[in-house]
N, C-alpha and C. Protein backbone atom coordinates (compact mmCIF):
# COMPACT_ATOMS: atom_id res chain seq x y z
N MET A 1 12.08 -21.78 16.35
CA MET A 1 10.79 -21.17 16.33
C MET A 1 9.97 -21.81 15.21
N ASN A 2 8.75 -22.18 15.49
CA ASN A 2 7.86 -22.80 14.52
C ASN A 2 6.77 -21.81 14.15
N VAL A 3 6.78 -21.33 12.92
CA VAL A 3 5.80 -20.34 12.47
C VAL A 3 4.87 -21.01 11.47
N LYS A 4 3.58 -20.87 11.67
CA LYS A 4 2.59 -21.43 10.76
C LYS A 4 1.77 -20.29 10.16
N ILE A 5 1.56 -20.35 8.86
CA ILE A 5 0.71 -19.38 8.19
C ILE A 5 -0.65 -20.03 8.04
N LYS A 6 -1.67 -19.37 8.54
CA LYS A 6 -3.02 -19.93 8.45
C LYS A 6 -3.78 -19.23 7.34
N ARG A 7 -4.42 -20.03 6.50
CA ARG A 7 -5.25 -19.52 5.42
C ARG A 7 -6.60 -20.18 5.50
N PRO A 8 -7.62 -19.57 4.93
CA PRO A 8 -8.91 -20.24 4.88
C PRO A 8 -8.77 -21.57 4.14
N VAL A 9 -9.48 -22.58 4.60
CA VAL A 9 -9.38 -23.92 4.02
C VAL A 9 -9.68 -23.93 2.53
N ASN A 10 -10.68 -23.20 2.08
CA ASN A 10 -11.05 -23.22 0.66
C ASN A 10 -10.04 -22.51 -0.23
N ASP A 11 -9.08 -21.78 0.34
CA ASP A 11 -8.08 -21.04 -0.43
C ASP A 11 -6.89 -21.93 -0.79
N ALA A 12 -6.66 -23.01 -0.06
CA ALA A 12 -5.46 -23.84 -0.24
C ALA A 12 -5.36 -24.42 -1.65
N ALA A 13 -6.46 -24.78 -2.25
CA ALA A 13 -6.44 -25.38 -3.59
C ALA A 13 -6.05 -24.38 -4.67
N ASN A 14 -6.20 -23.12 -4.40
CA ASN A 14 -5.92 -22.09 -5.40
C ASN A 14 -4.51 -21.52 -5.32
N LEU A 15 -3.69 -22.02 -4.42
CA LEU A 15 -2.36 -21.46 -4.24
C LEU A 15 -1.44 -21.88 -5.38
N ALA A 16 -0.51 -21.00 -5.71
CA ALA A 16 0.49 -21.28 -6.75
C ALA A 16 1.73 -21.84 -6.07
N LYS A 17 2.00 -23.10 -6.31
CA LYS A 17 3.17 -23.75 -5.71
C LYS A 17 4.45 -23.20 -6.33
N ILE A 18 5.48 -23.06 -5.49
CA ILE A 18 6.79 -22.59 -5.96
C ILE A 18 7.52 -23.72 -6.66
N GLY A 19 7.36 -24.94 -6.15
CA GLY A 19 8.08 -26.07 -6.71
C GLY A 19 9.27 -26.47 -5.85
N ILE A 20 9.40 -25.84 -4.69
CA ILE A 20 10.43 -26.17 -3.71
C ILE A 20 9.67 -26.61 -2.46
N ALA A 21 9.73 -27.92 -2.17
CA ALA A 21 8.90 -28.49 -1.11
C ALA A 21 8.98 -27.72 0.21
N GLY A 22 10.18 -27.44 0.70
CA GLY A 22 10.32 -26.73 1.97
C GLY A 22 9.75 -25.33 1.94
N LEU A 23 9.95 -24.62 0.84
CA LEU A 23 9.43 -23.27 0.72
C LEU A 23 7.91 -23.28 0.59
N ASP A 24 7.37 -24.22 -0.18
CA ASP A 24 5.91 -24.34 -0.27
C ASP A 24 5.31 -24.65 1.10
N ASP A 25 6.02 -25.45 1.90
CA ASP A 25 5.55 -25.78 3.25
C ASP A 25 5.54 -24.53 4.12
N ILE A 26 6.63 -23.75 4.08
CA ILE A 26 6.71 -22.51 4.87
C ILE A 26 5.59 -21.56 4.46
N LEU A 27 5.26 -21.55 3.18
CA LEU A 27 4.21 -20.66 2.66
C LEU A 27 2.81 -21.26 2.80
N ALA A 28 2.70 -22.35 3.57
CA ALA A 28 1.42 -23.02 3.80
C ALA A 28 0.78 -23.47 2.49
N GLY A 29 1.61 -23.93 1.55
CA GLY A 29 1.09 -24.49 0.31
C GLY A 29 1.47 -23.73 -0.93
N GLY A 30 1.91 -22.50 -0.82
CA GLY A 30 2.30 -21.73 -2.00
C GLY A 30 1.93 -20.27 -1.88
N LEU A 31 1.94 -19.60 -3.01
CA LEU A 31 1.65 -18.16 -3.07
C LEU A 31 0.21 -17.91 -3.50
N THR A 32 -0.36 -16.85 -2.98
CA THR A 32 -1.70 -16.45 -3.40
C THR A 32 -1.61 -15.95 -4.84
N PRO A 33 -2.44 -16.48 -5.74
CA PRO A 33 -2.38 -16.05 -7.14
C PRO A 33 -2.78 -14.58 -7.32
N ASN A 34 -2.42 -14.05 -8.48
CA ASN A 34 -2.79 -12.69 -8.88
C ASN A 34 -2.25 -11.62 -7.94
N ARG A 35 -1.07 -11.87 -7.43
CA ARG A 35 -0.37 -10.91 -6.59
C ARG A 35 1.02 -10.69 -7.17
N LEU A 36 1.66 -9.62 -6.78
CA LEU A 36 3.01 -9.32 -7.21
C LEU A 36 3.96 -9.66 -6.06
N TYR A 37 4.99 -10.44 -6.36
CA TYR A 37 5.97 -10.83 -5.35
C TYR A 37 7.35 -10.39 -5.80
N LEU A 38 8.14 -9.91 -4.86
CA LEU A 38 9.51 -9.48 -5.13
C LEU A 38 10.45 -10.41 -4.37
N ILE A 39 11.39 -10.99 -5.10
CA ILE A 39 12.43 -11.80 -4.47
C ILE A 39 13.68 -10.94 -4.45
N ASP A 40 14.20 -10.69 -3.26
CA ASP A 40 15.36 -9.82 -3.09
C ASP A 40 16.49 -10.61 -2.47
N GLY A 41 17.70 -10.31 -2.86
CA GLY A 41 18.85 -10.98 -2.26
C GLY A 41 20.13 -10.60 -2.98
N ASP A 42 21.22 -10.96 -2.36
CA ASP A 42 22.54 -10.69 -2.92
C ASP A 42 22.77 -11.55 -4.16
N PRO A 43 23.71 -11.14 -5.02
CA PRO A 43 24.06 -11.99 -6.16
C PRO A 43 24.47 -13.38 -5.69
N GLY A 44 23.95 -14.38 -6.37
CA GLY A 44 24.30 -15.76 -6.04
C GLY A 44 23.48 -16.37 -4.91
N SER A 45 22.47 -15.63 -4.41
CA SER A 45 21.68 -16.14 -3.29
C SER A 45 20.55 -17.08 -3.72
N GLY A 46 20.30 -17.20 -5.03
CA GLY A 46 19.30 -18.16 -5.51
C GLY A 46 18.02 -17.57 -6.06
N LYS A 47 18.00 -16.26 -6.29
CA LYS A 47 16.78 -15.62 -6.80
C LYS A 47 16.36 -16.20 -8.15
N THR A 48 17.31 -16.33 -9.05
CA THR A 48 17.01 -16.86 -10.39
C THR A 48 16.57 -18.31 -10.29
N THR A 49 17.22 -19.08 -9.44
CA THR A 49 16.87 -20.48 -9.28
C THR A 49 15.44 -20.64 -8.77
N VAL A 50 15.05 -19.83 -7.78
CA VAL A 50 13.68 -19.88 -7.26
C VAL A 50 12.69 -19.49 -8.37
N ALA A 51 12.99 -18.44 -9.10
CA ALA A 51 12.09 -18.00 -10.17
C ALA A 51 11.93 -19.08 -11.24
N LEU A 52 13.04 -19.71 -11.64
CA LEU A 52 12.95 -20.76 -12.65
C LEU A 52 12.18 -21.96 -12.14
N GLN A 53 12.35 -22.33 -10.88
CA GLN A 53 11.60 -23.45 -10.32
C GLN A 53 10.10 -23.13 -10.31
N PHE A 54 9.76 -21.90 -9.96
CA PHE A 54 8.36 -21.48 -9.96
C PHE A 54 7.76 -21.60 -11.37
N LEU A 55 8.50 -21.11 -12.36
CA LEU A 55 8.00 -21.17 -13.74
C LEU A 55 7.93 -22.60 -14.26
N MET A 56 8.89 -23.44 -13.90
CA MET A 56 8.84 -24.84 -14.32
C MET A 56 7.65 -25.55 -13.68
N GLN A 57 7.35 -25.21 -12.42
CA GLN A 57 6.18 -25.77 -11.74
C GLN A 57 4.91 -25.40 -12.51
N GLY A 58 4.81 -24.14 -12.92
CA GLY A 58 3.65 -23.69 -13.69
C GLY A 58 3.59 -24.35 -15.05
N ALA A 59 4.72 -24.45 -15.73
CA ALA A 59 4.76 -25.09 -17.05
C ALA A 59 4.36 -26.56 -16.95
N ASP A 60 4.82 -27.24 -15.88
CA ASP A 60 4.45 -28.65 -15.68
C ASP A 60 2.95 -28.80 -15.44
N ALA A 61 2.32 -27.75 -14.90
CA ALA A 61 0.87 -27.77 -14.66
C ALA A 61 0.08 -27.32 -15.89
N GLY A 62 0.79 -27.08 -17.01
CA GLY A 62 0.12 -26.69 -18.25
C GLY A 62 -0.10 -25.20 -18.40
N GLU A 63 0.49 -24.40 -17.54
CA GLU A 63 0.32 -22.95 -17.62
C GLU A 63 1.34 -22.36 -18.59
N THR A 64 0.98 -21.25 -19.21
CA THR A 64 1.91 -20.50 -20.04
C THR A 64 2.75 -19.64 -19.11
N THR A 65 4.07 -19.68 -19.29
CA THR A 65 4.96 -18.94 -18.40
C THR A 65 5.83 -17.98 -19.18
N LEU A 66 6.25 -16.90 -18.52
CA LEU A 66 7.10 -15.89 -19.14
C LEU A 66 8.12 -15.41 -18.12
N TYR A 67 9.39 -15.49 -18.49
CA TYR A 67 10.48 -14.97 -17.67
C TYR A 67 11.01 -13.72 -18.37
N VAL A 68 10.89 -12.58 -17.72
CA VAL A 68 11.40 -11.33 -18.27
C VAL A 68 12.73 -11.05 -17.59
N THR A 69 13.79 -11.00 -18.37
CA THR A 69 15.11 -10.75 -17.81
C THR A 69 15.61 -9.37 -18.23
N LEU A 70 16.02 -8.61 -17.24
CA LEU A 70 16.54 -7.27 -17.48
C LEU A 70 18.06 -7.20 -17.33
N ALA A 71 18.66 -8.30 -16.85
CA ALA A 71 20.09 -8.27 -16.59
C ALA A 71 20.83 -9.44 -17.22
N GLU A 72 20.25 -10.63 -17.14
CA GLU A 72 20.92 -11.81 -17.68
C GLU A 72 20.42 -12.08 -19.09
N SER A 73 21.28 -12.61 -19.92
CA SER A 73 20.85 -12.97 -21.27
C SER A 73 20.08 -14.29 -21.21
N ALA A 74 19.32 -14.56 -22.25
CA ALA A 74 18.59 -15.83 -22.34
C ALA A 74 19.58 -16.99 -22.30
N GLN A 75 20.74 -16.82 -22.92
CA GLN A 75 21.76 -17.88 -22.90
C GLN A 75 22.24 -18.14 -21.47
N GLU A 76 22.40 -17.09 -20.68
CA GLU A 76 22.83 -17.27 -19.29
C GLU A 76 21.76 -18.02 -18.49
N LEU A 77 20.49 -17.69 -18.74
CA LEU A 77 19.41 -18.39 -18.04
C LEU A 77 19.36 -19.86 -18.41
N VAL A 78 19.54 -20.15 -19.69
CA VAL A 78 19.56 -21.55 -20.14
C VAL A 78 20.73 -22.28 -19.48
N ALA A 79 21.87 -21.60 -19.34
CA ALA A 79 23.04 -22.21 -18.70
C ALA A 79 22.78 -22.47 -17.21
N VAL A 80 22.12 -21.54 -16.53
CA VAL A 80 21.78 -21.74 -15.12
C VAL A 80 20.88 -22.96 -14.99
N ALA A 81 19.87 -23.04 -15.85
CA ALA A 81 18.95 -24.17 -15.81
C ALA A 81 19.69 -25.48 -16.08
N ALA A 82 20.56 -25.47 -17.08
CA ALA A 82 21.31 -26.67 -17.44
C ALA A 82 22.21 -27.12 -16.28
N SER A 83 22.75 -26.17 -15.51
CA SER A 83 23.60 -26.53 -14.38
C SER A 83 22.83 -27.30 -13.30
N HIS A 84 21.50 -27.16 -13.31
CA HIS A 84 20.64 -27.90 -12.38
C HIS A 84 20.02 -29.13 -13.04
N GLY A 85 20.33 -29.33 -14.34
CA GLY A 85 19.74 -30.44 -15.07
C GLY A 85 18.32 -30.16 -15.55
N TRP A 86 17.98 -28.88 -15.70
CA TRP A 86 16.65 -28.47 -16.12
C TRP A 86 16.65 -28.01 -17.57
N SER A 87 15.47 -28.04 -18.16
CA SER A 87 15.26 -27.50 -19.50
C SER A 87 14.25 -26.37 -19.41
N LEU A 88 14.47 -25.32 -20.18
CA LEU A 88 13.53 -24.18 -20.20
C LEU A 88 12.69 -24.18 -21.47
N GLU A 89 12.58 -25.33 -22.13
CA GLU A 89 11.88 -25.37 -23.41
C GLU A 89 10.42 -24.97 -23.31
N ASN A 90 9.77 -25.12 -22.16
CA ASN A 90 8.36 -24.74 -22.01
C ASN A 90 8.17 -23.39 -21.34
N ILE A 91 9.27 -22.65 -21.20
CA ILE A 91 9.21 -21.33 -20.58
C ILE A 91 9.58 -20.27 -21.62
N ASN A 92 8.72 -19.29 -21.79
CA ASN A 92 9.00 -18.20 -22.71
C ASN A 92 9.98 -17.24 -22.04
N LEU A 93 11.04 -16.89 -22.75
CA LEU A 93 12.04 -15.97 -22.23
C LEU A 93 11.99 -14.65 -23.00
N LEU A 94 11.91 -13.54 -22.28
CA LEU A 94 11.94 -12.21 -22.90
C LEU A 94 13.16 -11.50 -22.35
N GLU A 95 14.10 -11.23 -23.23
CA GLU A 95 15.36 -10.59 -22.86
C GLU A 95 15.27 -9.11 -23.20
N ILE A 96 15.34 -8.27 -22.16
CA ILE A 96 15.33 -6.82 -22.36
C ILE A 96 16.62 -6.27 -21.77
N ILE A 97 17.64 -6.27 -22.60
CA ILE A 97 18.95 -5.78 -22.17
C ILE A 97 19.39 -4.73 -23.19
N PRO A 98 19.75 -3.53 -22.73
CA PRO A 98 20.18 -2.50 -23.67
C PRO A 98 21.38 -2.98 -24.49
N GLY A 99 21.35 -2.70 -25.78
CA GLY A 99 22.46 -3.09 -26.65
C GLY A 99 23.69 -2.26 -26.36
N GLY A 100 24.82 -2.72 -26.83
CA GLY A 100 26.08 -2.02 -26.62
C GLY A 100 26.11 -0.65 -27.26
N ASP A 101 25.28 -0.44 -28.29
CA ASP A 101 25.26 0.84 -28.98
C ASP A 101 24.34 1.85 -28.32
N ALA A 102 23.67 1.46 -27.23
CA ALA A 102 22.72 2.36 -26.57
C ALA A 102 23.40 3.56 -25.93
N LEU A 103 24.69 3.49 -25.77
CA LEU A 103 25.40 4.58 -25.11
C LEU A 103 26.17 5.46 -26.07
N THR A 104 26.05 5.21 -27.38
CA THR A 104 26.77 6.05 -28.34
C THR A 104 26.14 7.43 -28.40
N THR A 105 26.90 8.40 -28.85
CA THR A 105 26.42 9.78 -28.92
C THR A 105 25.17 9.90 -29.77
N ASP A 106 25.10 9.18 -30.88
CA ASP A 106 23.94 9.27 -31.76
C ASP A 106 22.66 8.75 -31.11
N GLU A 107 22.80 7.86 -30.15
CA GLU A 107 21.64 7.25 -29.51
C GLU A 107 21.20 7.97 -28.24
N GLN A 108 21.95 8.97 -27.80
CA GLN A 108 21.60 9.64 -26.56
C GLN A 108 20.38 10.53 -26.76
N ILE A 109 19.58 10.65 -25.71
CA ILE A 109 18.37 11.47 -25.74
C ILE A 109 18.58 12.64 -24.80
N THR A 110 18.26 13.83 -25.26
CA THR A 110 18.50 15.00 -24.42
C THR A 110 17.22 15.61 -23.87
N MET A 111 16.05 15.30 -24.46
CA MET A 111 14.78 15.88 -24.01
C MET A 111 14.23 15.17 -22.78
N PHE A 112 14.48 13.87 -22.67
CA PHE A 112 13.93 13.08 -21.59
C PHE A 112 15.06 12.37 -20.85
N HIS A 113 14.82 12.09 -19.60
CA HIS A 113 15.78 11.28 -18.84
C HIS A 113 15.75 9.87 -19.43
N PRO A 114 16.91 9.24 -19.64
CA PRO A 114 16.95 7.91 -20.26
C PRO A 114 16.04 6.89 -19.59
N SER A 115 15.91 6.95 -18.25
CA SER A 115 15.08 5.95 -17.57
C SER A 115 13.62 6.06 -17.99
N GLU A 116 13.16 7.29 -18.31
CA GLU A 116 11.78 7.46 -18.74
C GLU A 116 11.53 6.76 -20.07
N VAL A 117 12.45 6.89 -20.99
CA VAL A 117 12.31 6.30 -22.31
C VAL A 117 12.52 4.79 -22.23
N GLU A 118 13.58 4.37 -21.54
CA GLU A 118 13.88 2.95 -21.44
C GLU A 118 12.76 2.19 -20.75
N LEU A 119 12.18 2.76 -19.70
CA LEU A 119 11.10 2.10 -19.00
C LEU A 119 9.89 1.96 -19.91
N GLY A 120 9.59 3.00 -20.68
CA GLY A 120 8.46 2.94 -21.61
C GLY A 120 8.67 1.86 -22.66
N GLU A 121 9.86 1.78 -23.21
CA GLU A 121 10.16 0.77 -24.23
C GLU A 121 10.10 -0.62 -23.63
N ALA A 122 10.66 -0.78 -22.44
CA ALA A 122 10.65 -2.08 -21.78
C ALA A 122 9.22 -2.50 -21.45
N THR A 123 8.43 -1.56 -20.97
CA THR A 123 7.03 -1.86 -20.64
C THR A 123 6.27 -2.31 -21.87
N GLU A 124 6.49 -1.63 -22.98
CA GLU A 124 5.81 -2.02 -24.23
C GLU A 124 6.19 -3.44 -24.63
N LYS A 125 7.47 -3.78 -24.53
CA LYS A 125 7.93 -5.13 -24.88
C LYS A 125 7.32 -6.18 -23.96
N ILE A 126 7.26 -5.87 -22.67
CA ILE A 126 6.70 -6.82 -21.71
C ILE A 126 5.21 -7.01 -21.97
N LEU A 127 4.48 -5.92 -22.16
CA LEU A 127 3.04 -6.03 -22.41
C LEU A 127 2.75 -6.80 -23.69
N TYR A 128 3.55 -6.58 -24.72
CA TYR A 128 3.40 -7.31 -25.98
C TYR A 128 3.61 -8.81 -25.74
N ALA A 129 4.66 -9.15 -24.98
CA ALA A 129 4.96 -10.57 -24.71
C ALA A 129 3.85 -11.21 -23.88
N VAL A 130 3.31 -10.49 -22.92
CA VAL A 130 2.22 -11.03 -22.10
C VAL A 130 0.97 -11.26 -22.94
N GLU A 131 0.64 -10.31 -23.80
CA GLU A 131 -0.53 -10.47 -24.67
C GLU A 131 -0.36 -11.66 -25.63
N LYS A 132 0.87 -11.83 -26.12
CA LYS A 132 1.17 -12.92 -27.06
C LYS A 132 1.01 -14.27 -26.37
């Protein structure tokens, strides 16, 4: 099956390329800017690889990039990149992973559900990094 995505001609120049030729082709040139995209898949399916390629494409174009990681450490991301022969030196990494002491009795919160507090703290860190 051959599926083509049609976009207005004047919109093609403004698309954000992923950096993967076949995927950019399927997307008729890339992603529409200023939108939120979710990449979903099983562990090991390539989500991180696609995200890193997208950010490297932006960094190569002179854009400031930010990778916010909620599960993998910055060291793990650097290792993934290195396994592909890539460098993340032009990509800002923000690691938001709860510390090992976050589950101790002294650190537990009883007035609010932990997700409410953790989300607020994570959001503040992300917004600070974006502003920076």
